[in-house]
Amino acid sequence: MDSIRSFIAVELPEELKLELAQLQEQLSAGNKVQIKWVDPKNIHLTLKFLGNINTEITGKITLALEEAARGISPFLLRVKGLGAFPSLRKVQIVWVGLTGELDKLSKLQQRVDSSLVPLGFIPESRPFAPHLTIARLRDRATQVERQNLGRLIAEANYESSHMINVDSVYLMRSQLTNQGPIYNRISSIALK
């Protein structure tokens, strides 16, 4: 049995990815913190991380996603604000936030999550926090570096002029390589 690493996501428009690349450059300018920037072409909105799955169930996952998407019409999101997990004092992950039709996004995510339970996937225990990860700090980053980056993030006033038109969700494959992950679509589910 073959297995693949996979997740379910919303993809971003190319112009937004270019803008996020510029934001990464601004944040890294003169900043020597041990940061691993996410390749802008790989930035996406994760609805559910599946981990390693058997390739034989990708068809069943796609059918479950079609059921989850039924009755949810396309909607708009906007990228606004910067933040960090777990906090600005202990930065581990740098993210940009989302605004717009978050009620529809939450409904979609909940339906995706529950539609996969019959296939053996455990529902998320944490509340859904929609965000786009743009960087991860390496373990060797010091506490002072984390706090300094947290201050920079707190002072930033980021808002994109580009909208995300959420009209599809994707079952994605993630191949880990020494040069970073490579993402490929397995299936596409349109919102109607």
N, C-alpha and C. Protein backbone atom coordinates (compact mmCIF):
# COMPACT_ATOMS: atom_id res chain seq x y z
N MET A 1 0.84 -1.19 0.00
CA MET A 1 0.00 0.00 0.00
C MET A 1 0.88 1.25 0.00
N ASP A 2 0.63 2.13 -0.95
CA ASP A 2 1.36 3.39 -1.01
C ASP A 2 0.70 4.41 -0.10
N SER A 3 1.53 5.24 0.54
CA SER A 3 0.96 6.31 1.35
C SER A 3 1.58 7.63 0.91
N ILE A 4 0.80 8.69 1.10
CA ILE A 4 1.25 10.04 0.77
C ILE A 4 0.89 10.95 1.93
N ARG A 5 1.66 12.02 2.08
CA ARG A 5 1.38 13.05 3.07
C ARG A 5 0.42 14.03 2.41
N SER A 6 -0.67 14.38 3.11
CA SER A 6 -1.67 15.20 2.44
C SER A 6 -2.39 16.15 3.40
N PHE A 7 -3.08 17.11 2.79
CA PHE A 7 -3.87 18.08 3.54
C PHE A 7 -4.95 18.64 2.62
N ILE A 8 -5.91 19.34 3.23
CA ILE A 8 -6.99 19.96 2.47
C ILE A 8 -6.82 21.47 2.62
N ALA A 9 -6.88 22.19 1.49
CA ALA A 9 -6.54 23.61 1.53
C ALA A 9 -7.33 24.44 0.54
N VAL A 10 -7.26 25.74 0.77
CA VAL A 10 -7.70 26.76 -0.18
C VAL A 10 -6.43 27.37 -0.74
N GLU A 11 -6.35 27.47 -2.06
CA GLU A 11 -5.16 28.08 -2.67
C GLU A 11 -5.36 29.58 -2.82
N LEU A 12 -4.25 30.29 -2.93
CA LEU A 12 -4.26 31.75 -2.99
C LEU A 12 -4.01 32.24 -4.41
N PRO A 13 -4.52 33.42 -4.75
CA PRO A 13 -4.21 33.99 -6.06
C PRO A 13 -2.73 34.36 -6.15
N GLU A 14 -2.19 34.28 -7.35
CA GLU A 14 -0.76 34.55 -7.57
C GLU A 14 -0.34 35.94 -7.13
N GLU A 15 -1.19 36.95 -7.39
CA GLU A 15 -0.83 38.32 -7.01
C GLU A 15 -0.70 38.47 -5.49
N LEU A 16 -1.49 37.71 -4.74
CA LEU A 16 -1.36 37.74 -3.28
C LEU A 16 -0.07 37.06 -2.84
N LYS A 17 0.30 35.98 -3.49
CA LYS A 17 1.56 35.31 -3.16
C LYS A 17 2.75 36.24 -3.40
N LEU A 18 2.70 37.02 -4.48
CA LEU A 18 3.76 37.98 -4.76
C LEU A 18 3.82 39.06 -3.67
N GLU A 19 2.66 39.51 -3.24
CA GLU A 19 2.62 40.51 -2.18
C GLU A 19 3.15 39.95 -0.86
N LEU A 20 2.83 38.69 -0.56
CA LEU A 20 3.33 38.06 0.67
C LEU A 20 4.85 37.90 0.61
N ALA A 21 5.39 37.66 -0.59
CA ALA A 21 6.85 37.58 -0.75
C ALA A 21 7.48 38.93 -0.40
N GLN A 22 6.85 40.02 -0.82
CA GLN A 22 7.35 41.36 -0.47
C GLN A 22 7.28 41.60 1.03
N LEU A 23 6.20 41.14 1.66
CA LEU A 23 6.08 41.27 3.11
C LEU A 23 7.21 40.50 3.82
N GLN A 24 7.50 39.29 3.34
CA GLN A 24 8.59 38.50 3.92
C GLN A 24 9.92 39.24 3.81
N GLU A 25 10.15 39.87 2.65
CA GLU A 25 11.39 40.64 2.45
C GLU A 25 11.47 41.80 3.43
N GLN A 26 10.37 42.50 3.64
CA GLN A 26 10.35 43.63 4.57
C GLN A 26 10.66 43.16 5.99
N LEU A 27 10.06 42.04 6.39
CA LEU A 27 10.27 41.53 7.75
C LEU A 27 11.69 41.01 7.96
N SER A 28 12.30 40.51 6.89
CA SER A 28 13.65 39.93 7.03
C SER A 28 14.75 40.97 6.86
N ALA A 29 14.42 42.16 6.36
CA ALA A 29 15.43 43.20 6.11
C ALA A 29 16.16 43.55 7.41
N GLY A 30 17.45 43.30 7.43
CA GLY A 30 18.27 43.61 8.60
C GLY A 30 17.99 42.74 9.80
N ASN A 31 17.19 41.71 9.62
CA ASN A 31 16.80 40.84 10.73
C ASN A 31 17.59 39.54 10.63
N LYS A 32 18.44 39.28 11.59
CA LYS A 32 19.32 38.11 11.55
C LYS A 32 18.75 36.91 12.31
N VAL A 33 17.46 36.96 12.63
CA VAL A 33 16.83 35.88 13.38
C VAL A 33 16.86 34.59 12.56
N GLN A 34 16.93 33.47 13.25
CA GLN A 34 16.96 32.15 12.62
C GLN A 34 15.55 31.79 12.12
N ILE A 35 15.20 32.28 10.92
CA ILE A 35 13.86 32.11 10.37
C ILE A 35 13.90 31.24 9.13
N LYS A 36 12.92 30.35 9.01
CA LYS A 36 12.70 29.57 7.79
C LYS A 36 11.45 30.15 7.15
N TRP A 37 11.63 30.94 6.07
CA TRP A 37 10.51 31.56 5.39
C TRP A 37 9.81 30.52 4.52
N VAL A 38 8.48 30.54 4.53
CA VAL A 38 7.70 29.65 3.67
C VAL A 38 7.83 30.18 2.24
N ASP A 39 8.14 29.29 1.31
CA ASP A 39 8.22 29.69 -0.10
C ASP A 39 6.85 30.28 -0.49
N PRO A 40 6.81 31.51 -0.98
CA PRO A 40 5.51 32.14 -1.30
C PRO A 40 4.61 31.30 -2.19
N LYS A 41 5.20 30.53 -3.10
CA LYS A 41 4.36 29.72 -3.98
C LYS A 41 3.66 28.59 -3.21
N ASN A 42 4.13 28.29 -1.99
CA ASN A 42 3.54 27.23 -1.17
C ASN A 42 2.58 27.75 -0.11
N ILE A 43 2.43 29.06 0.04
CA ILE A 43 1.54 29.58 1.07
C ILE A 43 0.09 29.28 0.67
N HIS A 44 -0.66 28.75 1.62
CA HIS A 44 -2.05 28.35 1.38
C HIS A 44 -2.82 28.43 2.70
N LEU A 45 -4.12 28.28 2.64
CA LEU A 45 -4.97 28.24 3.82
C LEU A 45 -5.34 26.79 4.08
N THR A 46 -4.80 26.23 5.14
CA THR A 46 -5.07 24.83 5.48
C THR A 46 -6.42 24.71 6.18
N LEU A 47 -7.27 23.82 5.66
CA LEU A 47 -8.53 23.51 6.32
C LEU A 47 -8.39 22.29 7.21
N LYS A 48 -7.56 21.34 6.79
CA LYS A 48 -7.31 20.14 7.61
C LYS A 48 -6.04 19.46 7.13
N PHE A 49 -5.16 19.15 8.08
CA PHE A 49 -3.96 18.37 7.77
C PHE A 49 -4.31 16.90 8.00
N LEU A 50 -4.08 16.08 7.00
CA LEU A 50 -4.44 14.66 7.09
C LEU A 50 -3.27 13.77 7.50
N GLY A 51 -2.06 14.23 7.27
CA GLY A 51 -0.89 13.38 7.55
C GLY A 51 -0.71 12.37 6.45
N ASN A 52 -0.11 11.23 6.79
CA ASN A 52 0.11 10.17 5.81
C ASN A 52 -1.17 9.37 5.62
N ILE A 53 -1.61 9.30 4.36
CA ILE A 53 -2.83 8.55 4.05
C ILE A 53 -2.51 7.49 2.99
N ASN A 54 -3.32 6.46 2.97
CA ASN A 54 -3.23 5.43 1.95
C ASN A 54 -3.77 6.01 0.65
N THR A 55 -3.02 5.86 -0.43
CA THR A 55 -3.46 6.43 -1.72
C THR A 55 -4.80 5.87 -2.18
N GLU A 56 -5.15 4.68 -1.69
CA GLU A 56 -6.41 4.05 -2.12
C GLU A 56 -7.64 4.79 -1.61
N ILE A 57 -7.50 5.66 -0.59
CA ILE A 57 -8.70 6.34 -0.07
C ILE A 57 -8.85 7.78 -0.58
N THR A 58 -7.99 8.18 -1.51
CA THR A 58 -8.12 9.57 -2.00
C THR A 58 -9.48 9.79 -2.68
N GLY A 59 -10.00 8.80 -3.36
CA GLY A 59 -11.32 8.93 -3.98
C GLY A 59 -12.41 9.10 -2.95
N LYS A 60 -12.34 8.35 -1.85
CA LYS A 60 -13.33 8.48 -0.77
C LYS A 60 -13.22 9.84 -0.09
N ILE A 61 -12.00 10.33 0.07
CA ILE A 61 -11.81 11.66 0.66
C ILE A 61 -12.43 12.72 -0.25
N THR A 62 -12.20 12.59 -1.56
CA THR A 62 -12.77 13.55 -2.51
C THR A 62 -14.30 13.54 -2.44
N LEU A 63 -14.91 12.36 -2.36
CA LEU A 63 -16.37 12.28 -2.24
C LEU A 63 -16.85 12.93 -0.95
N ALA A 64 -16.13 12.71 0.15
CA ALA A 64 -16.49 13.33 1.43
C ALA A 64 -16.40 14.85 1.33
N LEU A 65 -15.37 15.34 0.63
CA LEU A 65 -15.21 16.79 0.47
C LEU A 65 -16.33 17.37 -0.41
N GLU A 66 -16.74 16.63 -1.43
CA GLU A 66 -17.86 17.09 -2.26
C GLU A 66 -19.12 17.23 -1.43
N GLU A 67 -19.35 16.28 -0.53
CA GLU A 67 -20.50 16.34 0.36
C GLU A 67 -20.38 17.52 1.32
N ALA A 68 -19.19 17.74 1.85
CA ALA A 68 -18.97 18.85 2.79
C ALA A 68 -19.19 20.21 2.12
N ALA A 69 -18.84 20.31 0.85
CA ALA A 69 -18.94 21.58 0.13
C ALA A 69 -20.34 21.86 -0.40
N ARG A 70 -21.18 20.83 -0.41
CA ARG A 70 -22.53 20.98 -0.98
C ARG A 70 -23.30 22.07 -0.22
N GLY A 71 -23.86 23.02 -0.97
CA GLY A 71 -24.67 24.07 -0.37
C GLY A 71 -23.89 25.27 0.13
N ILE A 72 -22.56 25.23 0.01
CA ILE A 72 -21.75 26.39 0.40
C ILE A 72 -21.34 27.12 -0.87
N SER A 73 -21.79 28.34 -0.99
CA SER A 73 -21.48 29.13 -2.19
C SER A 73 -20.10 29.77 -2.04
N PRO A 74 -19.49 30.16 -3.16
CA PRO A 74 -18.19 30.84 -3.10
C PRO A 74 -18.28 32.08 -2.20
N PHE A 75 -17.14 32.42 -1.58
CA PHE A 75 -17.11 33.57 -0.68
C PHE A 75 -15.75 34.24 -0.74
N LEU A 76 -15.68 35.45 -0.14
CA LEU A 76 -14.47 36.26 -0.21
C LEU A 76 -13.80 36.40 1.15
N LEU A 77 -12.47 36.37 1.12
CA LEU A 77 -11.65 36.62 2.30
C LEU A 77 -10.64 37.70 1.95
N ARG A 78 -10.21 38.42 2.95
CA ARG A 78 -9.17 39.43 2.79
C ARG A 78 -8.06 39.13 3.80
N VAL A 79 -6.84 39.41 3.40
CA VAL A 79 -5.68 39.19 4.26
C VAL A 79 -5.40 40.49 5.02
N LYS A 80 -5.35 40.37 6.35
CA LYS A 80 -5.15 41.57 7.17
C LYS A 80 -4.52 41.19 8.50
N GLY A 81 -3.47 41.91 8.86
CA GLY A 81 -2.85 41.75 10.16
C GLY A 81 -1.76 40.69 10.17
N LEU A 82 -0.85 40.86 11.12
CA LEU A 82 0.24 39.91 11.35
C LEU A 82 0.15 39.41 12.78
N GLY A 83 0.58 38.20 13.00
CA GLY A 83 0.59 37.65 14.35
C GLY A 83 1.58 36.52 14.45
N ALA A 84 1.60 35.89 15.63
CA ALA A 84 2.54 34.80 15.87
C ALA A 84 1.93 33.77 16.81
N PHE A 85 2.29 32.53 16.60
CA PHE A 85 1.96 31.45 17.53
C PHE A 85 3.24 31.07 18.26
N PRO A 86 3.26 30.72 19.52
CA PRO A 86 2.10 30.77 20.41
C PRO A 86 1.79 32.18 20.90
N SER A 87 2.77 33.10 20.85
CA SER A 87 2.52 34.49 21.27
C SER A 87 3.62 35.37 20.69
N LEU A 88 3.43 36.69 20.81
CA LEU A 88 4.44 37.63 20.32
C LEU A 88 5.70 37.62 21.19
N ARG A 89 5.63 37.12 22.40
CA ARG A 89 6.80 37.04 23.27
C ARG A 89 7.61 35.76 23.03
N LYS A 90 6.95 34.75 22.45
CA LYS A 90 7.62 33.47 22.20
C LYS A 90 7.35 33.02 20.76
N VAL A 91 7.70 33.87 19.83
CA VAL A 91 7.37 33.61 18.41
C VAL A 91 7.96 32.28 17.95
N GLN A 92 7.11 31.43 17.42
CA GLN A 92 7.52 30.18 16.80
C GLN A 92 7.09 30.17 15.33
N ILE A 93 5.85 30.64 15.09
CA ILE A 93 5.28 30.69 13.74
C ILE A 93 4.78 32.11 13.49
N VAL A 94 5.11 32.67 12.33
CA VAL A 94 4.64 33.99 11.93
C VAL A 94 3.52 33.79 10.91
N TRP A 95 2.40 34.48 11.12
CA TRP A 95 1.26 34.32 10.22
C TRP A 95 0.63 35.66 9.87
N VAL A 96 -0.13 35.65 8.78
CA VAL A 96 -0.99 36.77 8.44
C VAL A 96 -2.42 36.31 8.67
N GLY A 97 -3.25 37.24 9.12
CA GLY A 97 -4.63 36.91 9.46
C GLY A 97 -5.58 37.08 8.30
N LEU A 98 -6.82 36.69 8.53
CA LEU A 98 -7.85 36.75 7.51
C LEU A 98 -9.09 37.45 8.06
N THR A 99 -9.76 38.21 7.21
CA THR A 99 -11.05 38.81 7.53
C THR A 99 -11.97 38.51 6.35
N GLY A 100 -13.18 38.98 6.44
CA GLY A 100 -14.14 38.74 5.36
C GLY A 100 -15.21 37.78 5.84
N GLU A 101 -15.63 36.90 4.95
CA GLU A 101 -16.74 35.99 5.26
C GLU A 101 -16.23 34.78 6.07
N LEU A 102 -15.76 35.08 7.29
CA LEU A 102 -15.19 34.03 8.15
C LEU A 102 -16.24 33.03 8.62
N ASP A 103 -17.51 33.47 8.69
CA ASP A 103 -18.56 32.53 9.08
C ASP A 103 -18.68 31.40 8.05
N LYS A 104 -18.63 31.74 6.77
CA LYS A 104 -18.68 30.71 5.72
C LYS A 104 -17.44 29.83 5.76
N LEU A 105 -16.27 30.46 6.00
CA LEU A 105 -15.03 29.69 6.10
C LEU A 105 -15.09 28.70 7.25
N SER A 106 -15.57 29.15 8.41
CA SER A 106 -15.67 28.27 9.57
C SER A 106 -16.65 27.13 9.32
N LYS A 107 -17.77 27.44 8.67
CA LYS A 107 -18.76 26.42 8.35
C LYS A 107 -18.14 25.37 7.41
N LEU A 108 -17.41 25.84 6.40
CA LEU A 108 -16.76 24.94 5.46
C LEU A 108 -15.75 24.05 6.19
N GLN A 109 -14.92 24.65 7.03
CA GLN A 109 -13.90 23.88 7.76
C GLN A 109 -14.55 22.84 8.67
N GLN A 110 -15.62 23.21 9.37
CA GLN A 110 -16.30 22.27 10.26
C GLN A 110 -16.90 21.11 9.47
N ARG A 111 -17.48 21.43 8.31
CA ARG A 111 -18.08 20.37 7.50
C ARG A 111 -17.01 19.46 6.90
N VAL A 112 -15.86 20.02 6.51
CA VAL A 112 -14.74 19.21 6.02
C VAL A 112 -14.29 18.27 7.14
N ASP A 113 -14.10 18.82 8.32
CA ASP A 113 -13.63 18.05 9.47
C ASP A 113 -14.59 16.89 9.78
N SER A 114 -15.88 17.20 9.88
CA SER A 114 -16.85 16.15 10.25
C SER A 114 -17.07 15.14 9.12
N SER A 115 -16.93 15.57 7.86
CA SER A 115 -17.15 14.64 6.74
C SER A 115 -16.08 13.55 6.68
N LEU A 116 -14.92 13.81 7.29
CA LEU A 116 -13.83 12.84 7.23
C LEU A 116 -13.80 11.87 8.41
N VAL A 117 -14.63 12.11 9.42
CA VAL A 117 -14.68 11.22 10.59
C VAL A 117 -15.01 9.78 10.19
N PRO A 118 -16.03 9.56 9.32
CA PRO A 118 -16.33 8.17 8.93
C PRO A 118 -15.16 7.45 8.24
N LEU A 119 -14.20 8.22 7.73
CA LEU A 119 -13.03 7.61 7.08
C LEU A 119 -11.88 7.39 8.07
N GLY A 120 -12.14 7.66 9.35
CA GLY A 120 -11.14 7.39 10.37
C GLY A 120 -10.29 8.57 10.79
N PHE A 121 -10.59 9.77 10.28
CA PHE A 121 -9.82 10.95 10.67
C PHE A 121 -10.40 11.55 11.95
N ILE A 122 -9.53 11.89 12.87
CA ILE A 122 -9.96 12.44 14.16
C ILE A 122 -10.29 13.92 13.98
N PRO A 123 -11.45 14.35 14.51
CA PRO A 123 -11.79 15.77 14.39
C PRO A 123 -10.80 16.63 15.18
N GLU A 124 -10.64 17.87 14.72
CA GLU A 124 -9.75 18.81 15.41
C GLU A 124 -10.27 19.09 16.80
N SER A 125 -9.37 19.09 17.77
CA SER A 125 -9.77 19.41 19.15
C SER A 125 -9.62 20.90 19.43
N ARG A 126 -8.74 21.56 18.69
CA ARG A 126 -8.54 23.00 18.88
C ARG A 126 -9.51 23.77 17.99
N PRO A 127 -9.92 24.96 18.45
CA PRO A 127 -10.77 25.78 17.58
C PRO A 127 -10.02 26.19 16.32
N PHE A 128 -10.74 26.31 15.23
CA PHE A 128 -10.15 26.71 13.95
C PHE A 128 -9.71 28.16 14.03
N ALA A 129 -8.43 28.41 13.73
CA ALA A 129 -7.86 29.76 13.73
C ALA A 129 -7.33 30.05 12.33
N PRO A 130 -8.17 30.60 11.43
CA PRO A 130 -7.74 30.78 10.05
C PRO A 130 -6.56 31.74 9.93
N HIS A 131 -5.52 31.30 9.24
CA HIS A 131 -4.31 32.10 9.08
C HIS A 131 -3.50 31.55 7.91
N LEU A 132 -2.52 32.32 7.46
CA LEU A 132 -1.58 31.89 6.43
C LEU A 132 -0.19 31.94 7.05
N THR A 133 0.45 30.79 7.19
CA THR A 133 1.80 30.74 7.77
C THR A 133 2.80 31.26 6.75
N ILE A 134 3.62 32.25 7.18
CA ILE A 134 4.63 32.80 6.27
C ILE A 134 6.05 32.50 6.73
N ALA A 135 6.21 32.06 8.01
CA ALA A 135 7.56 31.76 8.50
C ALA A 135 7.49 30.90 9.76
N ARG A 136 8.58 30.17 9.98
CA ARG A 136 8.76 29.39 11.21
C ARG A 136 10.14 29.71 11.75
N LEU A 137 10.24 29.91 13.06
CA LEU A 137 11.55 30.15 13.64
C LEU A 137 12.24 28.83 13.90
N ARG A 138 13.51 28.81 13.64
CA ARG A 138 14.30 27.60 13.89
C ARG A 138 14.50 27.45 15.40
N ASP A 139 14.73 26.22 15.82
CA ASP A 139 14.89 25.94 17.25
C ASP A 139 16.02 26.73 17.88
N ARG A 140 17.05 27.04 17.09
CA ARG A 140 18.21 27.73 17.67
C ARG A 140 18.01 29.23 17.83
N ALA A 141 16.85 29.77 17.44
CA ALA A 141 16.56 31.19 17.67
C ALA A 141 16.49 31.44 19.17
N THR A 142 17.13 32.52 19.62
CA THR A 142 17.15 32.82 21.05
C THR A 142 15.85 33.49 21.48
N GLN A 143 15.63 33.52 22.79
CA GLN A 143 14.43 34.17 23.33
C GLN A 143 14.42 35.66 22.99
N VAL A 144 15.57 36.31 23.03
CA VAL A 144 15.66 37.73 22.68
C VAL A 144 15.28 37.94 21.21
N GLU A 145 15.78 37.07 20.33
CA GLU A 145 15.43 37.18 18.90
C GLU A 145 13.92 37.00 18.70
N ARG A 146 13.34 36.05 19.42
CA ARG A 146 11.90 35.81 19.32
C ARG A 146 11.11 37.04 19.78
N GLN A 147 11.53 37.65 20.88
CA GLN A 147 10.85 38.84 21.40
C GLN A 147 11.01 40.03 20.47
N ASN A 148 12.20 40.20 19.91
CA ASN A 148 12.43 41.31 18.98
C ASN A 148 11.56 41.16 17.73
N LEU A 149 11.47 39.94 17.21
CA LEU A 149 10.60 39.70 16.06
C LEU A 149 9.15 39.95 16.44
N GLY A 150 8.77 39.55 17.64
CA GLY A 150 7.41 39.79 18.13
C GLY A 150 7.08 41.28 18.16
N ARG A 151 8.04 42.11 18.57
CA ARG A 151 7.83 43.56 18.58
C ARG A 151 7.66 44.10 17.15
N LEU A 152 8.48 43.59 16.22
CA LEU A 152 8.38 44.00 14.82
C LEU A 152 7.00 43.65 14.25
N ILE A 153 6.53 42.46 14.58
CA ILE A 153 5.21 42.00 14.12
C ILE A 153 4.12 42.89 14.71
N ALA A 154 4.23 43.20 16.00
CA ALA A 154 3.22 44.03 16.68
C ALA A 154 3.14 45.43 16.07
N GLU A 155 4.27 45.95 15.61
CA GLU A 155 4.30 47.30 15.04
C GLU A 155 3.84 47.34 13.58
N ALA A 156 3.85 46.21 12.93
CA ALA A 156 3.46 46.16 11.51
C ALA A 156 1.95 46.36 11.38
N ASN A 157 1.56 47.04 10.35
CA ASN A 157 0.15 47.28 10.08
C ASN A 157 -0.13 46.78 8.67
N TYR A 158 -0.23 45.46 8.53
CA TYR A 158 -0.31 44.87 7.19
C TYR A 158 -1.76 44.62 6.79
N GLU A 159 -2.09 45.04 5.58
CA GLU A 159 -3.38 44.72 4.98
C GLU A 159 -3.18 44.60 3.48
N SER A 160 -3.65 43.50 2.92
CA SER A 160 -3.50 43.27 1.49
C SER A 160 -4.62 43.95 0.72
N SER A 161 -4.32 44.34 -0.50
CA SER A 161 -5.36 44.89 -1.37
C SER A 161 -6.01 43.78 -2.20
N HIS A 162 -5.50 42.56 -2.07
CA HIS A 162 -6.01 41.44 -2.86
C HIS A 162 -6.99 40.59 -2.06
N MET A 163 -8.05 40.18 -2.72
CA MET A 163 -9.06 39.32 -2.11
C MET A 163 -8.75 37.87 -2.45
N ILE A 164 -9.22 36.97 -1.59
CA ILE A 164 -9.16 35.54 -1.89
C ILE A 164 -10.59 35.12 -2.21
N ASN A 165 -10.83 34.74 -3.45
CA ASN A 165 -12.14 34.25 -3.86
C ASN A 165 -12.15 32.74 -3.62
N VAL A 166 -12.79 32.34 -2.54
CA VAL A 166 -12.83 30.91 -2.19
C VAL A 166 -13.96 30.26 -2.99
N ASP A 167 -13.58 29.63 -4.08
CA ASP A 167 -14.58 28.96 -4.92
C ASP A 167 -14.29 27.47 -5.08
N SER A 168 -13.19 27.01 -4.47
CA SER A 168 -12.83 25.58 -4.52
C SER A 168 -11.99 25.23 -3.30
N VAL A 169 -12.03 23.95 -2.96
CA VAL A 169 -11.09 23.40 -1.98
C VAL A 169 -10.32 22.29 -2.67
N TYR A 170 -9.14 22.02 -2.16
CA TYR A 170 -8.26 21.06 -2.83
C TYR A 170 -7.72 20.02 -1.86
N LEU A 171 -7.72 18.78 -2.30
CA LEU A 171 -6.98 17.73 -1.61
C LEU A 171 -5.57 17.78 -2.19
N MET A 172 -4.60 18.02 -1.32
CA MET A 172 -3.23 18.25 -1.76
C MET A 172 -2.29 17.16 -1.28
N ARG A 173 -1.26 16.92 -2.08
CA ARG A 173 -0.17 16.04 -1.70
C ARG A 173 1.03 16.90 -1.32
N SER A 174 1.72 16.52 -0.26
CA SER A 174 2.90 17.23 0.19
C SER A 174 4.08 16.26 0.18
N GLN A 175 5.05 16.54 -0.69
CA GLN A 175 6.27 15.74 -0.74
C GLN A 175 7.39 16.54 -0.09
N LEU A 176 7.96 16.00 0.97
CA LEU A 176 9.05 16.68 1.66
C LEU A 176 10.36 16.39 0.97
N THR A 177 11.11 17.45 0.65
CA THR A 177 12.41 17.30 0.02
C THR A 177 13.43 18.17 0.77
N ASN A 178 14.71 17.99 0.47
CA ASN A 178 15.75 18.81 1.09
C ASN A 178 15.62 20.28 0.71
N GLN A 179 15.00 20.57 -0.42
CA GLN A 179 14.81 21.95 -0.88
C GLN A 179 13.50 22.55 -0.38
N GLY A 180 12.74 21.80 0.40
CA GLY A 180 11.45 22.25 0.90
C GLY A 180 10.33 21.40 0.34
N PRO A 181 9.11 21.58 0.84
CA PRO A 181 8.00 20.74 0.36
C PRO A 181 7.58 21.09 -1.06
N ILE A 182 7.07 20.08 -1.74
CA ILE A 182 6.47 20.26 -3.06
C ILE A 182 5.01 19.86 -2.94
N TYR A 183 4.10 20.78 -3.31
CA TYR A 183 2.67 20.53 -3.20
C TYR A 183 2.08 20.29 -4.58
N ASN A 184 1.21 19.29 -4.67
CA ASN A 184 0.49 18.99 -5.91
C ASN A 184 -0.97 18.71 -5.58
N ARG A 185 -1.86 19.16 -6.46
CA ARG A 185 -3.28 18.86 -6.30
C ARG A 185 -3.56 17.40 -6.60
N ILE A 186 -4.35 16.79 -5.75
CA ILE A 186 -4.87 15.44 -6.02
C ILE A 186 -6.27 15.56 -6.62
N SER A 187 -7.09 16.42 -6.00
CA SER A 187 -8.43 16.64 -6.52
C SER A 187 -8.88 18.05 -6.16
N SER A 188 -9.86 18.52 -6.91
CA SER A 188 -10.42 19.87 -6.75
C SER A 188 -11.92 19.74 -6.57
N ILE A 189 -12.46 20.44 -5.56
CA ILE A 189 -13.89 20.40 -5.27
C ILE A 189 -14.41 21.83 -5.35
N ALA A 190 -15.31 22.08 -6.28
CA ALA A 190 -15.85 23.43 -6.48
C ALA A 190 -16.98 23.71 -5.49
N LEU A 191 -17.03 24.94 -4.99
CA LEU A 191 -18.16 25.40 -4.20
C LEU A 191 -19.21 25.92 -5.17
N LYS A 192 -20.49 25.62 -4.88
CA LYS A 192 -21.56 26.01 -5.81
C LYS A 192 -22.67 26.71 -5.05
